[in-house]
């Protein structure tokens, strides 16, 4: 009788441990996977994204299992859809799989992004871009 009682208490402990493991590990992980799947299903062209490797860019094209991410004017990188971690980081009310959008590119102004493009330009292209910017600025001052 005593052996039977200890066997039931051991079985009850095992069931309790499995239940605890389920509610602390398996269930939250499943919810996170479902949220990421929903995020990828809602992915659209021109969405601003961050990949799991931390690359920021804009969705140029979406294929069945891959996404072309535009990272500068002349550079597109193909990623697996599962590599997309955040969509529209930093936007209020943004849908994201993880994090709050406070990565390396969050909070940058449009001017800072324009200046980042110069890293990929030749000296002549940079000079031409700055010349056009100055002409536009001068014409705006004259029209005021």
C-alpha atoms as a PDB file:
ATOM      1  CA  UNK A   1       0.000   0.000   0.000  1.00  0.00           C
ATOM      2  CA  UNK A   2       2.851   2.361   0.866  1.00  0.00           C
ATOM      3  CA  UNK A   3       4.597   1.712  -2.493  1.00  0.00           C
ATOM      4  CA  UNK A   4       1.377   2.421  -4.328  1.00  0.00           C
ATOM      5  CA  UNK A   5       0.984   5.755  -2.520  1.00  0.00           C
ATOM      6  CA  UNK A   6       4.548   6.885  -3.317  1.00  0.00           C
ATOM      7  CA  UNK A   7       4.064   5.884  -6.950  1.00  0.00           C
ATOM      8  CA  UNK A   8       0.975   8.100  -7.214  1.00  0.00           C
ATOM      9  CA  UNK A   9       2.734  11.052  -5.588  1.00  0.00           C
ATOM     10  CA  UNK A  10       5.694  10.603  -7.985  1.00  0.00           C
ATOM     11  CA  UNK A  11       3.310  10.485 -10.954  1.00  0.00           C
ATOM     12  CA  UNK A  12       1.524  13.612  -9.676  1.00  0.00           C
ATOM     13  CA  UNK A  13       4.865  15.447  -9.408  1.00  0.00           C
ATOM     14  CA  UNK A  14       5.813  14.483 -12.981  1.00  0.00           C
ATOM     15  CA  UNK A  15       2.437  15.678 -14.313  1.00  0.00           C
ATOM     16  CA  UNK A  16       2.848  18.969 -12.389  1.00  0.00           C
ATOM     17  CA  UNK A  17       6.360  19.474 -13.836  1.00  0.00           C
ATOM     18  CA  UNK A  18       5.119  18.818 -17.374  1.00  0.00           C
ATOM     19  CA  UNK A  19       2.268  21.310 -16.873  1.00  0.00           C
ATOM     20  CA  UNK A  20       4.665  23.955 -15.524  1.00  0.00           C
ATOM     21  CA  UNK A  21       7.059  23.356 -18.449  1.00  0.00           C
ATOM     22  CA  UNK A  22       4.165  23.692 -20.913  1.00  0.00           C
ATOM     23  CA  UNK A  23       2.887  26.999 -19.492  1.00  0.00           C
ATOM     24  CA  UNK A  24       6.345  28.549 -19.008  1.00  0.00           C
ATOM     25  CA  UNK A  25       8.125  27.424 -22.202  1.00  0.00           C
ATOM     26  CA  UNK A  26       6.025  25.786 -24.910  1.00  0.00           C
ATOM     27  CA  UNK A  27       2.944  28.026 -24.887  1.00  0.00           C
ATOM     28  CA  UNK A  28       4.787  31.407 -24.957  1.00  0.00           C
ATOM     29  CA  UNK A  29       7.097  30.123 -27.707  1.00  0.00           C
ATOM     30  CA  UNK A  30       4.098  29.045 -29.790  1.00  0.00           C
ATOM     31  CA  UNK A  31       2.484  32.482 -29.340  1.00  0.00           C
ATOM     32  CA  UNK A  32       5.700  34.171 -30.481  1.00  0.00           C
ATOM     33  CA  UNK A  33       5.916  31.926 -33.553  1.00  0.00           C
ATOM     34  CA  UNK A  34       2.293  32.690 -34.444  1.00  0.00           C
ATOM     35  CA  UNK A  35       2.914  36.448 -34.093  1.00  0.00           C
ATOM     36  CA  UNK A  36       5.992  36.223 -36.366  1.00  0.00           C
ATOM     37  CA  UNK A  37       4.023  34.220 -38.940  1.00  0.00           C
ATOM     38  CA  UNK A  38       1.278  36.877 -38.896  1.00  0.00           C
ATOM     39  CA  UNK A  39       3.899  39.607 -39.294  1.00  0.00           C
ATOM     40  CA  UNK A  40       5.350  37.884 -42.381  1.00  0.00           C
ATOM     41  CA  UNK A  41       1.892  37.344 -43.895  1.00  0.00           C
ATOM     42  CA  UNK A  42       1.202  41.089 -43.560  1.00  0.00           C
ATOM     43  CA  UNK A  43       4.497  42.073 -45.201  1.00  0.00           C
ATOM     44  CA  UNK A  44       3.982  44.459 -48.131  1.00  0.00           C
ATOM     45  CA  UNK A  45       6.159  46.218 -50.698  1.00  0.00           C
ATOM     46  CA  UNK A  46       7.719  49.492 -49.390  1.00  0.00           C
ATOM     47  CA  UNK A  47       7.488  48.366 -45.740  1.00  0.00           C
ATOM     48  CA  UNK A  48      10.502  49.437 -43.699  1.00  0.00           C
ATOM     49  CA  UNK A  49      12.045  46.315 -42.140  1.00  0.00           C
ATOM     50  CA  UNK A  50      14.894  45.176 -39.916  1.00  0.00           C
ATOM     51  CA  UNK A  51      16.376  41.719 -40.426  1.00  0.00           C
ATOM     52  CA  UNK A  52      17.576  39.367 -37.707  1.00  0.00           C
ATOM     53  CA  UNK A  53      21.135  40.378 -38.634  1.00  0.00           C
ATOM     54  CA  UNK A  54      20.283  44.044 -37.982  1.00  0.00           C
ATOM     55  CA  UNK A  55      20.125  45.268 -41.585  1.00  0.00           C
ATOM     56  CA  UNK A  56      17.623  48.094 -42.119  1.00  0.00           C
ATOM     57  CA  UNK A  57      15.935  48.545 -45.477  1.00  0.00           C
ATOM     58  CA  UNK A  58      12.762  48.754 -47.512  1.00  0.00           C
ATOM     59  CA  UNK A  59      10.957  45.809 -49.065  1.00  0.00           C
ATOM     60  CA  UNK A  60      11.434  46.009 -52.839  1.00  0.00           C
ATOM     61  CA  UNK A  61       9.882  42.677 -53.910  1.00  0.00           C
ATOM     62  CA  UNK A  62       8.290  39.716 -52.184  1.00  0.00           C
ATOM     63  CA  UNK A  63       8.635  36.196 -53.568  1.00  0.00           C
ATOM     64  CA  UNK A  64       7.263  32.925 -52.173  1.00  0.00           C
ATOM     65  CA  UNK A  65      10.010  32.269 -49.614  1.00  0.00           C
ATOM     66  CA  UNK A  66      12.291  35.290 -50.055  1.00  0.00           C
ATOM     67  CA  UNK A  67      12.195  39.075 -49.799  1.00  0.00           C
ATOM     68  CA  UNK A  68      14.325  41.599 -51.712  1.00  0.00           C
ATOM     69  CA  UNK A  69      15.307  44.379 -49.291  1.00  0.00           C
ATOM     70  CA  UNK A  70      16.554  47.674 -50.697  1.00  0.00           C
ATOM     71  CA  UNK A  71      19.307  49.005 -48.427  1.00  0.00           C
ATOM     72  CA  UNK A  72      20.452  51.930 -50.621  1.00  0.00           C
ATOM     73  CA  UNK A  73      19.669  53.467 -54.023  1.00  0.00           C
ATOM     74  CA  UNK A  74      21.589  50.801 -55.921  1.00  0.00           C
ATOM     75  CA  UNK A  75      21.712  47.883 -53.499  1.00  0.00           C
ATOM     76  CA  UNK A  76      19.126  45.170 -52.930  1.00  0.00           C
ATOM     77  CA  UNK A  77      19.741  42.077 -50.814  1.00  0.00           C
ATOM     78  CA  UNK A  78      17.683  38.901 -50.960  1.00  0.00           C
ATOM     79  CA  UNK A  79      16.685  37.442 -47.579  1.00  0.00           C
ATOM     80  CA  UNK A  80      14.658  34.483 -46.469  1.00  0.00           C
ATOM     81  CA  UNK A  81      11.263  35.713 -45.245  1.00  0.00           C
ATOM     82  CA  UNK A  82      12.027  34.247 -41.829  1.00  0.00           C
ATOM     83  CA  UNK A  83      14.991  36.654 -41.535  1.00  0.00           C
ATOM     84  CA  UNK A  84      12.616  39.625 -41.212  1.00  0.00           C
ATOM     85  CA  UNK A  85      12.432  40.518 -37.532  1.00  0.00           C
ATOM     86  CA  UNK A  86      10.662  43.900 -37.419  1.00  0.00           C
ATOM     87  CA  UNK A  87       8.307  45.714 -39.773  1.00  0.00           C
ATOM     88  CA  UNK A  88       8.061  49.526 -39.648  1.00  0.00           C
ATOM     89  CA  UNK A  89      10.409  49.925 -36.655  1.00  0.00           C
ATOM     90  CA  UNK A  90       9.993  53.159 -34.743  1.00  0.00           C
ATOM     91  CA  UNK A  91       6.529  53.863 -36.174  1.00  0.00           C
ATOM     92  CA  UNK A  92       3.884  54.446 -33.546  1.00  0.00           C
ATOM     93  CA  UNK A  93       1.622  51.443 -33.250  1.00  0.00           C
ATOM     94  CA  UNK A  94       3.900  49.389 -35.458  1.00  0.00           C
ATOM     95  CA  UNK A  95       3.506  45.664 -35.798  1.00  0.00           C
ATOM     96  CA  UNK A  96       6.662  43.901 -34.713  1.00  0.00           C
ATOM     97  CA  UNK A  97       7.723  40.408 -33.832  1.00  0.00           C
ATOM     98  CA  UNK A  98      10.159  41.448 -31.142  1.00  0.00           C
ATOM     99  CA  UNK A  99      11.690  44.606 -29.764  1.00  0.00           C
ATOM    100  CA  UNK A 100      10.542  48.196 -29.856  1.00  0.00           C
ATOM    101  CA  UNK A 101      12.294  49.451 -32.958  1.00  0.00           C
ATOM    102  CA  UNK A 102      15.143  51.119 -31.109  1.00  0.00           C
ATOM    103  CA  UNK A 103      17.844  49.663 -33.358  1.00  0.00           C
ATOM    104  CA  UNK A 104      20.705  51.469 -35.055  1.00  0.00           C
ATOM    105  CA  UNK A 105      18.483  53.277 -37.565  1.00  0.00           C
ATOM    106  CA  UNK A 106      15.648  54.263 -35.240  1.00  0.00           C
ATOM    107  CA  UNK A 107      15.271  57.981 -34.711  1.00  0.00           C
ATOM    108  CA  UNK A 108      17.391  59.040 -37.707  1.00  0.00           C
ATOM    109  CA  UNK A 109      16.174  62.012 -39.663  1.00  0.00           C
ATOM    110  CA  UNK A 110      15.664  61.936 -43.424  1.00  0.00           C
ATOM    111  CA  UNK A 111      18.785  64.090 -43.771  1.00  0.00           C
ATOM    112  CA  UNK A 112      20.894  61.523 -41.910  1.00  0.00           C
ATOM    113  CA  UNK A 113      19.607  58.743 -44.203  1.00  0.00           C
ATOM    114  CA  UNK A 114      20.428  60.859 -47.272  1.00  0.00           C
ATOM    115  CA  UNK A 115      23.955  61.389 -45.982  1.00  0.00           C
ATOM    116  CA  UNK A 116      24.326  57.630 -45.369  1.00  0.00           C
ATOM    117  CA  UNK A 117      23.706  57.065 -49.103  1.00  0.00           C
ATOM    118  CA  UNK A 118      26.888  59.006 -49.857  1.00  0.00           C
ATOM    119  CA  UNK A 119      28.897  56.057 -48.559  1.00  0.00           C
ATOM    120  CA  UNK A 120      27.908  54.202 -51.740  1.00  0.00           C
ATOM    121  CA  UNK A 121      28.439  57.063 -54.202  1.00  0.00           C
ATOM    122  CA  UNK A 122      31.454  58.184 -56.230  1.00  0.00           C
ATOM    123  CA  UNK A 123      33.029  61.578 -55.531  1.00  0.00           C
ATOM    124  CA  UNK A 124      31.456  63.005 -58.708  1.00  0.00           C
ATOM    125  CA  UNK A 125      27.976  61.783 -57.696  1.00  0.00           C
ATOM    126  CA  UNK A 126      28.389  63.293 -54.224  1.00  0.00           C
ATOM    127  CA  UNK A 127      29.525  66.631 -55.693  1.00  0.00           C
ATOM    128  CA  UNK A 128      26.575  66.654 -58.134  1.00  0.00           C
ATOM    129  CA  UNK A 129      24.111  65.793 -55.369  1.00  0.00           C
ATOM    130  CA  UNK A 130      25.428  68.591 -53.142  1.00  0.00           C
ATOM    131  CA  UNK A 131      25.406  71.064 -56.056  1.00  0.00           C
ATOM    132  CA  UNK A 132      21.741  70.256 -56.799  1.00  0.00           C
ATOM    133  CA  UNK A 133      20.862  70.522 -53.112  1.00  0.00           C
ATOM    134  CA  UNK A 134      22.517  73.954 -52.900  1.00  0.00           C
ATOM    135  CA  UNK A 135      20.703  75.164 -56.051  1.00  0.00           C
ATOM    136  CA  UNK A 136      17.375  73.992 -54.633  1.00  0.00           C
ATOM    137  CA  UNK A 137      18.084  75.677 -51.304  1.00  0.00           C
ATOM    138  CA  UNK A 138      19.031  78.935 -53.080  1.00  0.00           C
ATOM    139  CA  UNK A 139      15.887  78.862 -55.251  1.00  0.00           C
ATOM    140  CA  UNK A 140      13.743  78.254 -52.157  1.00  0.00           C
ATOM    141  CA  UNK A 141      15.264  81.299 -50.473  1.00  0.00           C
ATOM    142  CA  UNK A 142      14.577  83.462 -53.550  1.00  0.00           C
ATOM    143  CA  UNK A 143      10.940  82.372 -53.713  1.00  0.00           C
ATOM    144  CA  UNK A 144      10.374  83.402 -50.070  1.00  0.00           C
END
